[in-house]
């Protein structure tokens, strides 16, 4: 599966308040290999809030989205759509 995670997706990229520790980006893309009979797959990503002095909007929720799709070359179907999480 092709996976894409977007942190603070409702903000423009330059002003996103949450970044991933590795690479200091607000998004992550990766391939998840699944096979019948294998144990569940876990992938941990560590994120952090930017310094308070760099953040203008401190009140609105941070929106996250996770998208899972079949790899390119396949039928191009999205398996679960776009999941939006507010915390």
N, C-alpha and C. Protein backbone atom coordinates (compact mmCIF):
# COMPACT_ATOMS: atom_id res chain seq x y z
N UNK A 1 0.83 -1.18 0.00
CA UNK A 1 0.00 0.00 0.00
C UNK A 1 0.87 1.24 0.00
N UNK A 2 0.42 2.27 -0.65
CA UNK A 2 1.07 3.57 -0.58
C UNK A 2 0.37 4.36 0.53
N UNK A 3 1.15 4.84 1.48
CA UNK A 3 0.59 5.60 2.61
C UNK A 3 1.12 7.02 2.57
N UNK A 4 0.24 7.97 2.94
CA UNK A 4 0.65 9.36 3.04
C UNK A 4 0.04 9.96 4.30
N UNK A 5 0.89 10.56 5.13
CA UNK A 5 0.48 11.23 6.35
C UNK A 5 0.72 12.72 6.19
N UNK A 6 -0.28 13.53 6.49
CA UNK A 6 -0.17 15.00 6.44
C UNK A 6 -0.44 15.53 7.85
N UNK A 7 0.50 16.31 8.39
CA UNK A 7 0.35 16.92 9.71
C UNK A 7 -0.08 18.37 9.55
N UNK A 8 -1.05 18.79 10.34
CA UNK A 8 -1.57 20.16 10.32
C UNK A 8 -1.97 20.56 8.90
N UNK A 9 -2.71 19.69 8.26
CA UNK A 9 -2.98 19.82 6.82
C UNK A 9 -3.86 20.99 6.43
N UNK A 10 -4.55 21.59 7.38
CA UNK A 10 -5.41 22.73 7.04
C UNK A 10 -4.64 24.04 6.94
N UNK A 11 -3.38 24.03 7.31
CA UNK A 11 -2.53 25.23 7.23
C UNK A 11 -1.67 25.16 5.97
N UNK A 12 -1.28 26.31 5.41
CA UNK A 12 -0.33 26.29 4.28
C UNK A 12 1.00 25.70 4.75
N UNK A 13 1.72 25.04 3.85
CA UNK A 13 2.96 24.35 4.23
C UNK A 13 3.96 25.20 5.00
N UNK A 14 4.22 26.46 4.63
CA UNK A 14 5.22 27.24 5.38
C UNK A 14 4.81 27.53 6.83
N UNK A 15 3.52 27.51 7.14
CA UNK A 15 3.08 27.88 8.49
C UNK A 15 2.55 26.70 9.29
N UNK A 16 2.88 25.49 8.90
CA UNK A 16 2.42 24.32 9.66
C UNK A 16 3.13 24.26 11.00
N UNK A 17 2.35 23.93 12.04
CA UNK A 17 2.84 23.98 13.41
C UNK A 17 3.44 22.67 13.90
N UNK A 18 3.19 21.58 13.21
CA UNK A 18 3.67 20.27 13.62
C UNK A 18 4.56 19.71 12.52
N UNK A 19 5.74 19.22 12.91
CA UNK A 19 6.69 18.66 11.95
C UNK A 19 7.17 17.30 12.45
N UNK A 20 7.61 16.48 11.52
CA UNK A 20 8.19 15.19 11.88
C UNK A 20 9.63 15.39 12.33
N UNK A 21 10.03 14.65 13.35
CA UNK A 21 11.38 14.79 13.88
C UNK A 21 12.42 14.45 12.82
N UNK A 22 12.19 13.37 12.10
CA UNK A 22 13.12 12.98 11.04
C UNK A 22 12.80 13.77 9.77
N UNK A 23 13.67 14.65 9.36
CA UNK A 23 13.49 15.43 8.14
C UNK A 23 12.83 16.78 8.34
N UNK A 24 12.21 17.01 9.49
CA UNK A 24 11.56 18.29 9.81
C UNK A 24 10.57 18.70 8.72
N UNK A 25 9.79 17.74 8.23
CA UNK A 25 8.76 17.99 7.23
C UNK A 25 7.39 17.80 7.85
N UNK A 26 6.35 18.32 7.21
CA UNK A 26 4.98 18.17 7.72
C UNK A 26 4.24 17.01 7.07
N UNK A 27 4.93 16.24 6.24
CA UNK A 27 4.27 15.09 5.61
C UNK A 27 5.25 13.93 5.48
N UNK A 28 4.68 12.74 5.33
CA UNK A 28 5.47 11.52 5.15
C UNK A 28 4.76 10.64 4.13
N UNK A 29 5.52 10.06 3.25
CA UNK A 29 5.01 9.09 2.27
C UNK A 29 5.84 7.84 2.38
N UNK A 30 5.20 6.71 2.27
CA UNK A 30 5.93 5.46 2.33
C UNK A 30 5.11 4.32 1.79
N UNK A 31 5.79 3.22 1.53
CA UNK A 31 5.13 2.01 1.06
C UNK A 31 5.01 1.04 2.23
N UNK A 32 3.85 0.47 2.39
CA UNK A 32 3.61 -0.53 3.42
C UNK A 32 3.40 -1.87 2.74
N UNK A 33 4.29 -2.82 3.03
CA UNK A 33 4.20 -4.14 2.40
C UNK A 33 3.35 -5.05 3.28
N UNK A 34 2.28 -5.57 2.72
CA UNK A 34 1.39 -6.48 3.42
C UNK A 34 1.40 -7.83 2.72
N UNK A 35 1.37 -8.88 3.51
CA UNK A 35 1.33 -10.23 2.94
C UNK A 35 0.42 -11.09 3.81
N UNK A 36 -0.29 -12.02 3.19
CA UNK A 36 -1.18 -12.89 3.96
C UNK A 36 -0.39 -13.71 4.99
N UNK A 37 -0.94 -13.83 6.19
CA UNK A 37 -0.33 -14.66 7.23
C UNK A 37 0.80 -14.00 7.99
N UNK A 38 1.10 -12.74 7.70
CA UNK A 38 2.18 -12.06 8.42
C UNK A 38 1.59 -11.30 9.62
N UNK A 39 2.40 -11.03 10.64
CA UNK A 39 1.87 -10.30 11.79
C UNK A 39 1.52 -8.86 11.42
N UNK A 40 0.75 -8.18 12.28
CA UNK A 40 0.39 -6.77 12.00
C UNK A 40 1.64 -5.91 11.82
N UNK A 41 1.51 -4.90 10.99
CA UNK A 41 2.61 -3.99 10.67
C UNK A 41 2.46 -2.70 11.47
N UNK A 42 3.52 -2.29 12.15
CA UNK A 42 3.53 -1.04 12.90
C UNK A 42 4.62 -0.14 12.36
N UNK A 43 4.32 1.15 12.28
CA UNK A 43 5.31 2.12 11.84
C UNK A 43 5.17 3.34 12.74
N UNK A 44 6.23 3.70 13.44
CA UNK A 44 6.19 4.83 14.37
C UNK A 44 6.89 6.04 13.76
N UNK A 45 6.23 7.18 13.85
CA UNK A 45 6.80 8.45 13.41
C UNK A 45 6.69 9.42 14.59
N UNK A 46 7.76 10.13 14.88
CA UNK A 46 7.75 11.09 15.98
C UNK A 46 7.59 12.49 15.42
N UNK A 47 6.63 13.23 15.96
CA UNK A 47 6.37 14.60 15.52
C UNK A 47 6.53 15.54 16.71
N UNK A 48 6.73 16.81 16.41
CA UNK A 48 6.89 17.81 17.46
C UNK A 48 6.20 19.11 17.04
N UNK A 49 5.84 19.90 18.05
CA UNK A 49 5.29 21.23 17.81
C UNK A 49 6.44 22.22 17.65
N UNK A 50 6.31 23.11 16.70
CA UNK A 50 7.33 24.15 16.53
C UNK A 50 7.38 25.03 17.76
N UNK A 51 8.44 25.80 17.90
CA UNK A 51 8.61 26.69 19.03
C UNK A 51 7.43 27.66 19.11
N UNK A 52 6.97 27.92 20.31
CA UNK A 52 5.80 28.78 20.51
C UNK A 52 5.97 30.16 19.88
N UNK A 53 7.19 30.68 19.84
CA UNK A 53 7.44 31.99 19.24
C UNK A 53 7.20 31.98 17.73
N UNK A 54 7.29 30.80 17.09
CA UNK A 54 7.10 30.69 15.64
C UNK A 54 5.64 30.48 15.25
N UNK A 55 4.77 30.26 16.23
CA UNK A 55 3.38 29.92 15.94
C UNK A 55 2.49 31.14 16.19
N UNK A 56 1.73 31.56 15.18
CA UNK A 56 0.81 32.68 15.32
C UNK A 56 -0.56 32.18 15.79
N UNK A 57 -1.01 31.05 15.24
CA UNK A 57 -2.33 30.50 15.56
C UNK A 57 -2.16 29.40 16.61
N UNK A 58 -2.50 29.71 17.86
CA UNK A 58 -2.33 28.75 18.94
C UNK A 58 -3.64 28.12 19.38
N UNK A 59 -4.77 28.53 18.80
CA UNK A 59 -6.06 28.07 19.27
C UNK A 59 -6.73 27.02 18.39
N UNK A 60 -6.48 27.01 17.11
CA UNK A 60 -7.18 26.06 16.24
C UNK A 60 -6.58 24.66 16.37
N UNK A 61 -7.43 23.68 16.13
CA UNK A 61 -7.02 22.28 16.24
C UNK A 61 -5.99 21.93 15.18
N UNK A 62 -5.18 20.94 15.46
CA UNK A 62 -4.19 20.43 14.50
C UNK A 62 -4.86 19.26 13.78
N UNK A 63 -5.03 19.38 12.47
CA UNK A 63 -5.69 18.35 11.68
C UNK A 63 -4.65 17.42 11.05
N UNK A 64 -4.86 16.13 11.20
CA UNK A 64 -3.99 15.12 10.61
C UNK A 64 -4.78 14.33 9.60
N UNK A 65 -4.13 13.87 8.54
CA UNK A 65 -4.82 12.99 7.60
C UNK A 65 -3.90 11.85 7.22
N UNK A 66 -4.50 10.68 7.01
CA UNK A 66 -3.79 9.49 6.57
C UNK A 66 -4.53 8.93 5.38
N UNK A 67 -3.81 8.74 4.29
CA UNK A 67 -4.40 8.21 3.07
C UNK A 67 -3.69 6.91 2.71
N UNK A 68 -4.46 5.88 2.40
CA UNK A 68 -3.92 4.59 1.96
C UNK A 68 -4.47 4.29 0.57
N UNK A 69 -3.60 3.91 -0.35
CA UNK A 69 -4.02 3.62 -1.72
C UNK A 69 -3.21 2.45 -2.27
N UNK A 70 -3.76 1.81 -3.27
CA UNK A 70 -3.01 0.77 -3.96
C UNK A 70 -1.86 1.40 -4.72
N UNK A 71 -0.73 0.70 -4.87
CA UNK A 71 0.44 1.28 -5.55
C UNK A 71 0.14 1.66 -7.00
N UNK A 72 0.97 2.58 -7.52
CA UNK A 72 0.86 2.99 -8.93
C UNK A 72 0.98 1.76 -9.82
N UNK A 73 0.30 1.77 -10.91
CA UNK A 73 0.31 0.63 -11.81
C UNK A 73 -0.85 -0.31 -11.53
N UNK A 74 -1.44 -0.19 -10.34
CA UNK A 74 -2.63 -0.96 -10.00
C UNK A 74 -3.85 -0.22 -10.50
N UNK A 75 -5.04 -0.62 -10.04
CA UNK A 75 -6.25 0.06 -10.50
C UNK A 75 -6.38 1.50 -10.01
N UNK A 76 -5.53 1.93 -9.07
CA UNK A 76 -5.56 3.32 -8.61
C UNK A 76 -6.69 3.62 -7.66
N UNK A 77 -7.19 2.63 -6.99
CA UNK A 77 -8.29 2.83 -6.05
C UNK A 77 -7.77 3.30 -4.70
N UNK A 78 -8.52 4.19 -4.06
CA UNK A 78 -8.21 4.58 -2.70
C UNK A 78 -8.97 3.62 -1.80
N UNK A 79 -8.28 3.03 -0.82
CA UNK A 79 -8.88 1.99 -0.02
C UNK A 79 -9.78 2.51 1.09
N UNK A 80 -9.39 3.59 1.76
CA UNK A 80 -10.19 4.07 2.87
C UNK A 80 -10.49 5.55 2.77
N UNK A 81 -10.18 6.16 1.68
CA UNK A 81 -10.44 7.58 1.54
C UNK A 81 -9.45 8.40 2.33
N UNK A 82 -9.89 9.51 2.82
CA UNK A 82 -9.04 10.43 3.56
C UNK A 82 -9.55 10.49 4.99
N UNK A 83 -8.73 10.10 5.94
CA UNK A 83 -9.12 10.10 7.34
C UNK A 83 -8.66 11.40 7.98
N UNK A 84 -9.56 12.09 8.65
CA UNK A 84 -9.25 13.36 9.28
C UNK A 84 -9.38 13.20 10.79
N UNK A 85 -8.34 13.56 11.52
CA UNK A 85 -8.34 13.44 12.97
C UNK A 85 -8.15 14.82 13.58
N UNK A 86 -8.99 15.18 14.52
CA UNK A 86 -8.84 16.45 15.26
C UNK A 86 -8.52 16.11 16.70
N UNK A 87 -7.52 16.78 17.27
CA UNK A 87 -7.18 16.56 18.68
C UNK A 87 -6.87 17.90 19.33
